[in-house]
Amino acid sequence: MRRRMRPMIGPGLWGLAFVLTAVGSACADVAKRAYPVMGPVEQYRMASTSEEVALSRSAAPTSISGDASVLTLGDHGYETALKGKNGFVCLVQRSWASGFEEADFWNPKLRAPICFNAAAVRSVLPGYLERTKWVLAGVSRTDMISRTKAELAANRIATPEPGAMSYMMSKQGYLGDLAGHWHPHLMFFRVHTDGADWGADLHGSPVFAARDDLEPITTFFVLVPTWSDGTPAVMEMH
């Protein structure tokens, strides 16, 4: 991971760390032109439920993901494929979990395995699950923005609970055309917080901060040295 590449999240309440800023604006423009609208829904599905379960569980070490519930993408939203017992929920997020204006918003190749802890399951995950229902119902991106604003105005979008966090440590994840596989990391969800309080975004720091402008949340990304299978991840901090 090169230090100049900064993580960006979409709607803060689901805090997906699968889109990085472009290394150049020209590349971002090309990506935006590549995915101007949603493709056929089948392009966003995986070959089988078993394959999706396996990719979902790769988000965290098996000591965590092995006892987690697993959700897979169905016809109208995510469905429970396996019921866990440790409070964690793992799934593969798709491109619409990123920011509404991100280049990869409709990228059908994007697969982002993630495991939420219990606090995040209650307060962060529901937003992404709701958006997925909108997508599969054919709601446009413009209308999704309007709906999100209306939910905020009505105080129907929760702020993250204390301790809400997630694992994104999969070696197999694909976080977008500009990000690729990026680096294994943890995410911590907070109401708007100054990144300086965490030492975020400083030279040599493994912590990045991303503040969502639409919703009241800051997500902190903490890089970790290994993938979920225990193999080392090479990291360049330029």
Protein backbone atom coordinates (compact mmCIF):
# COMPACT_ATOMS: atom_id res chain seq x y z
CA MET A 1 0.00 0.00 0.00
CA ARG A 2 1.49 3.30 -1.05
CA ARG A 3 1.05 6.07 1.48
CA ARG A 4 -0.25 8.54 -1.10
CA MET A 5 -3.36 6.43 -1.64
CA ARG A 6 -6.03 7.43 0.86
CA PRO A 7 -9.10 5.36 1.72
CA MET A 8 -12.48 6.87 1.05
CA ILE A 9 -15.80 5.59 2.31
CA GLY A 10 -19.27 6.01 1.06
CA PRO A 11 -22.29 6.38 3.34
CA GLY A 12 -20.69 6.40 6.74
CA LEU A 13 -23.14 4.17 8.52
CA TRP A 14 -21.99 1.17 6.59
CA GLY A 15 -18.45 2.44 6.31
CA LEU A 16 -17.13 0.41 3.43
CA ALA A 17 -13.39 0.79 2.97
CA PHE A 18 -13.29 -0.65 -0.48
CA VAL A 19 -12.77 2.52 -2.53
CA LEU A 20 -9.49 4.43 -2.54
CA THR A 21 -8.93 7.79 -4.10
CA ALA A 22 -7.56 7.71 -7.60
CA VAL A 23 -3.84 8.12 -8.08
CA GLY A 24 -4.80 10.69 -10.68
CA SER A 25 -7.98 12.51 -11.69
CA ALA A 26 -7.73 11.20 -15.26
CA CYS A 27 -7.93 7.61 -13.97
CA ALA A 28 -10.96 8.50 -11.87
CA ASP A 29 -12.68 10.05 -14.88
CA VAL A 30 -12.09 6.90 -16.91
CA ALA A 31 -13.52 4.76 -14.12
CA LYS A 32 -16.60 6.95 -13.86
CA ARG A 33 -17.22 6.60 -17.57
CA ALA A 34 -16.78 2.83 -17.27
CA TYR A 35 -19.67 2.38 -14.79
CA PRO A 36 -22.21 5.18 -15.37
CA VAL A 37 -25.22 3.01 -14.52
CA MET A 38 -26.00 -0.28 -12.84
CA GLY A 39 -25.29 -3.36 -14.94
CA PRO A 40 -27.49 -6.46 -15.12
CA VAL A 41 -28.06 -7.73 -11.59
CA GLU A 42 -26.54 -11.12 -12.39
CA GLN A 43 -23.16 -9.45 -12.79
CA TYR A 44 -23.22 -8.57 -9.09
CA ARG A 45 -23.96 -12.13 -7.97
CA MET A 46 -21.42 -14.82 -7.20
CA ALA A 47 -21.32 -18.24 -8.82
CA SER A 48 -22.74 -20.07 -5.78
CA THR A 49 -23.82 -19.58 -2.21
CA SER A 50 -20.92 -21.70 -0.98
CA GLU A 51 -18.44 -19.49 -2.82
CA GLU A 52 -19.98 -16.36 -1.33
CA VAL A 53 -19.95 -17.87 2.17
CA ALA A 54 -16.27 -18.74 1.83
CA LEU A 55 -15.35 -15.27 0.57
CA SER A 56 -17.39 -13.66 3.35
CA ARG A 57 -15.56 -15.63 6.02
CA SER A 58 -12.18 -14.68 4.56
CA ALA A 59 -12.72 -11.16 5.92
CA ALA A 60 -11.51 -12.18 9.39
CA PRO A 61 -9.42 -14.92 11.02
CA THR A 62 -11.32 -18.19 11.32
CA SER A 63 -11.35 -17.81 15.11
CA ILE A 64 -13.83 -14.98 14.46
CA SER A 65 -15.48 -15.71 11.13
CA GLY A 66 -15.88 -19.43 11.83
CA ASP A 67 -18.53 -18.72 14.47
CA ALA A 68 -20.08 -15.70 12.71
CA SER A 69 -23.40 -15.49 10.91
CA VAL A 70 -23.04 -15.17 7.14
CA LEU A 71 -25.30 -13.22 4.81
CA THR A 72 -25.46 -13.72 1.05
CA LEU A 73 -27.07 -11.63 -1.67
CA GLY A 74 -30.59 -12.75 -2.58
CA ASP A 75 -33.23 -11.52 -5.00
CA HIS A 76 -34.51 -8.72 -2.78
CA GLY A 77 -31.67 -8.17 -0.33
CA TYR A 78 -29.24 -10.08 1.85
CA GLU A 79 -30.37 -13.38 3.34
CA THR A 80 -28.99 -15.41 6.24
CA ALA A 81 -27.05 -18.34 4.81
CA LEU A 82 -25.56 -19.45 8.13
CA LYS A 83 -26.52 -18.58 11.69
CA GLY A 84 -23.55 -17.90 13.97
CA LYS A 85 -23.06 -17.74 17.70
CA ASN A 86 -20.47 -15.04 18.45
CA GLY A 87 -22.43 -11.91 17.45
CA PHE A 88 -20.36 -11.19 14.32
CA VAL A 89 -21.89 -11.02 10.86
CA CYS A 90 -19.83 -11.55 7.71
CA LEU A 91 -20.85 -10.78 4.13
CA VAL A 92 -19.48 -9.61 0.81
CA GLN A 93 -20.36 -5.99 0.17
CA ARG A 94 -20.99 -4.85 -3.38
CA SER A 95 -20.11 -1.61 -5.11
CA TRP A 96 -23.12 0.40 -3.94
CA ALA A 97 -21.74 0.50 -0.40
CA SER A 98 -19.29 3.16 -1.59
CA GLY A 99 -19.98 6.88 -1.81
CA PHE A 100 -22.69 7.97 -4.22
CA GLU A 101 -20.17 9.90 -6.31
CA GLU A 102 -17.42 7.27 -6.28
CA ALA A 103 -16.20 5.94 -9.62
CA ASP A 104 -16.80 2.31 -8.61
CA PHE A 105 -20.36 2.80 -7.38
CA TRP A 106 -21.75 0.45 -10.06
CA ASN A 107 -18.61 -1.65 -10.62
CA PRO A 108 -19.93 -5.23 -10.90
CA LYS A 109 -16.46 -6.71 -10.27
CA LEU A 110 -16.14 -5.24 -6.80
CA ARG A 111 -16.28 -7.75 -3.93
CA ALA A 112 -15.50 -6.54 -0.40
CA PRO A 113 -15.58 -9.23 2.31
CA ILE A 114 -16.29 -7.72 5.71
CA CYS A 115 -17.12 -8.99 9.21
CA PHE A 116 -18.98 -6.66 11.59
CA ASN A 117 -18.91 -7.05 15.35
CA ALA A 118 -22.17 -7.03 17.33
CA ALA A 119 -22.18 -3.27 17.95
CA ALA A 120 -21.69 -2.59 14.23
CA VAL A 121 -24.30 -5.18 13.30
CA ARG A 122 -26.85 -3.22 15.32
CA SER A 123 -25.88 0.29 14.30
CA VAL A 124 -23.83 0.24 11.08
CA LEU A 125 -24.86 -2.75 8.99
CA PRO A 126 -28.62 -1.92 8.72
CA GLY A 127 -27.93 1.08 6.49
CA TYR A 128 -26.11 -1.01 3.91
CA LEU A 129 -28.76 -3.71 3.99
CA GLU A 130 -31.47 -1.10 3.38
CA ARG A 131 -29.55 0.40 0.48
CA THR A 132 -29.15 -3.05 -1.04
CA LYS A 133 -32.93 -3.47 -1.02
CA TRP A 134 -33.25 -0.14 -2.84
CA VAL A 135 -30.72 -1.22 -5.46
CA LEU A 136 -32.40 -4.55 -6.13
CA ALA A 137 -35.76 -2.79 -6.35
CA GLY A 138 -34.38 -0.60 -9.14
CA VAL A 139 -34.14 2.70 -7.23
CA SER A 140 -31.88 5.19 -9.04
CA ARG A 141 -28.76 6.64 -7.47
CA THR A 142 -30.39 10.10 -7.41
CA ASP A 143 -33.41 8.74 -5.58
CA MET A 144 -31.19 6.87 -3.12
CA ILE A 145 -29.50 10.14 -2.23
CA SER A 146 -32.90 11.75 -1.68
CA ARG A 147 -34.07 8.85 0.46
CA THR A 148 -30.91 8.98 2.56
CA LYS A 149 -31.36 12.69 3.18
CA ALA A 150 -34.98 12.10 4.17
CA GLU A 151 -33.95 9.33 6.58
CA LEU A 152 -31.42 11.67 8.16
CA ALA A 153 -33.94 14.49 8.48
CA ALA A 154 -36.34 12.12 10.22
CA ASN A 155 -33.59 10.81 12.54
CA ARG A 156 -34.10 7.28 11.26
CA ILE A 157 -30.40 6.61 10.65
CA ALA A 158 -28.58 5.53 13.78
CA THR A 159 -25.14 6.70 14.82
CA PRO A 160 -22.55 4.02 15.48
CA GLU A 161 -22.64 2.39 18.89
CA PRO A 162 -19.53 2.62 21.07
CA GLY A 163 -17.11 -0.10 20.04
CA ALA A 164 -18.59 -0.60 16.56
CA MET A 165 -15.92 -2.01 14.26
CA SER A 166 -15.28 -4.47 11.44
CA TYR A 167 -12.59 -6.65 9.90
CA MET A 168 -11.51 -6.40 6.25
CA MET A 169 -8.53 -8.75 6.06
CA SER A 170 -9.37 -10.85 3.01
CA LYS A 171 -6.64 -11.61 0.52
CA GLN A 172 -9.31 -12.43 -2.07
CA GLY A 173 -11.27 -9.18 -1.88
CA TYR A 174 -11.37 -6.81 -4.84
CA LEU A 175 -11.98 -3.26 -3.66
CA GLY A 176 -12.32 -1.52 -7.00
CA ASP A 177 -10.39 -0.91 -10.21
CA LEU A 178 -8.15 1.74 -8.65
CA ALA A 179 -7.71 0.07 -5.27
CA GLY A 180 -7.37 -3.56 -6.26
CA HIS A 181 -6.80 -5.71 -3.19
CA TRP A 182 -5.34 -2.87 -1.09
CA HIS A 183 -4.20 -3.91 2.39
CA PRO A 184 -5.75 -5.84 5.31
CA HIS A 185 -7.25 -3.47 7.86
CA LEU A 186 -9.72 -2.94 10.66
CA MET A 187 -12.38 -0.22 10.67
CA PHE A 188 -13.68 1.65 13.69
CA PHE A 189 -16.91 3.63 13.33
CA ARG A 190 -17.40 6.82 15.32
CA VAL A 191 -19.60 9.88 15.25
CA HIS A 192 -17.71 12.78 13.71
CA THR A 193 -14.27 12.79 15.31
CA ASP A 194 -11.12 14.74 14.58
CA GLY A 195 -8.65 12.39 12.93
CA ALA A 196 -5.82 14.10 14.79
CA ASP A 197 -7.15 12.58 18.01
CA TRP A 198 -6.14 9.19 16.60
CA GLY A 199 -2.92 10.34 14.96
CA ALA A 200 -4.57 9.58 11.64
CA ASP A 201 -3.13 10.50 8.24
CA LEU A 202 0.30 11.38 9.59
CA HIS A 203 3.51 10.23 7.91
CA GLY A 204 4.22 6.62 8.87
CA SER A 205 0.94 6.20 10.72
CA PRO A 206 -1.03 3.01 9.98
CA VAL A 207 -4.26 4.90 10.75
CA PHE A 208 -6.37 6.71 8.18
CA ALA A 209 -9.53 8.72 8.80
CA ALA A 210 -12.43 9.31 6.44
CA ARG A 211 -15.30 11.61 7.29
CA ASP A 212 -18.61 11.23 5.55
CA ASP A 213 -20.15 14.56 4.51
CA LEU A 214 -23.68 13.24 4.11
CA GLU A 215 -23.93 11.38 7.39
CA PRO A 216 -22.55 12.10 10.89
CA ILE A 217 -19.74 9.56 11.00
CA THR A 218 -15.99 9.22 10.86
CA THR A 219 -14.42 5.88 9.99
CA PHE A 220 -10.90 5.06 11.12
CA PHE A 221 -8.92 2.52 9.11
CA VAL A 222 -6.12 0.73 10.95
CA LEU A 223 -3.73 -1.27 8.80
CA VAL A 224 -2.70 -4.69 10.10
CA PRO A 225 0.37 -6.73 9.10
CA THR A 226 -1.27 -10.00 8.02
CA TRP A 227 -4.12 -11.28 5.91
CA SER A 228 -6.87 -13.25 7.61
CA ASP A 229 -5.10 -16.52 6.78
CA GLY A 230 -2.04 -15.37 8.75
CA THR A 231 0.25 -14.72 5.81
CA PRO A 232 2.17 -11.41 5.87
CA ALA A 233 1.02 -8.42 3.86
CA VAL A 234 3.71 -6.28 2.31
CA MET A 235 3.12 -2.60 3.01
CA GLU A 236 4.88 0.40 1.57
CA MET A 237 4.49 3.65 3.53
CA HIS A 238 5.65 6.36 1.14
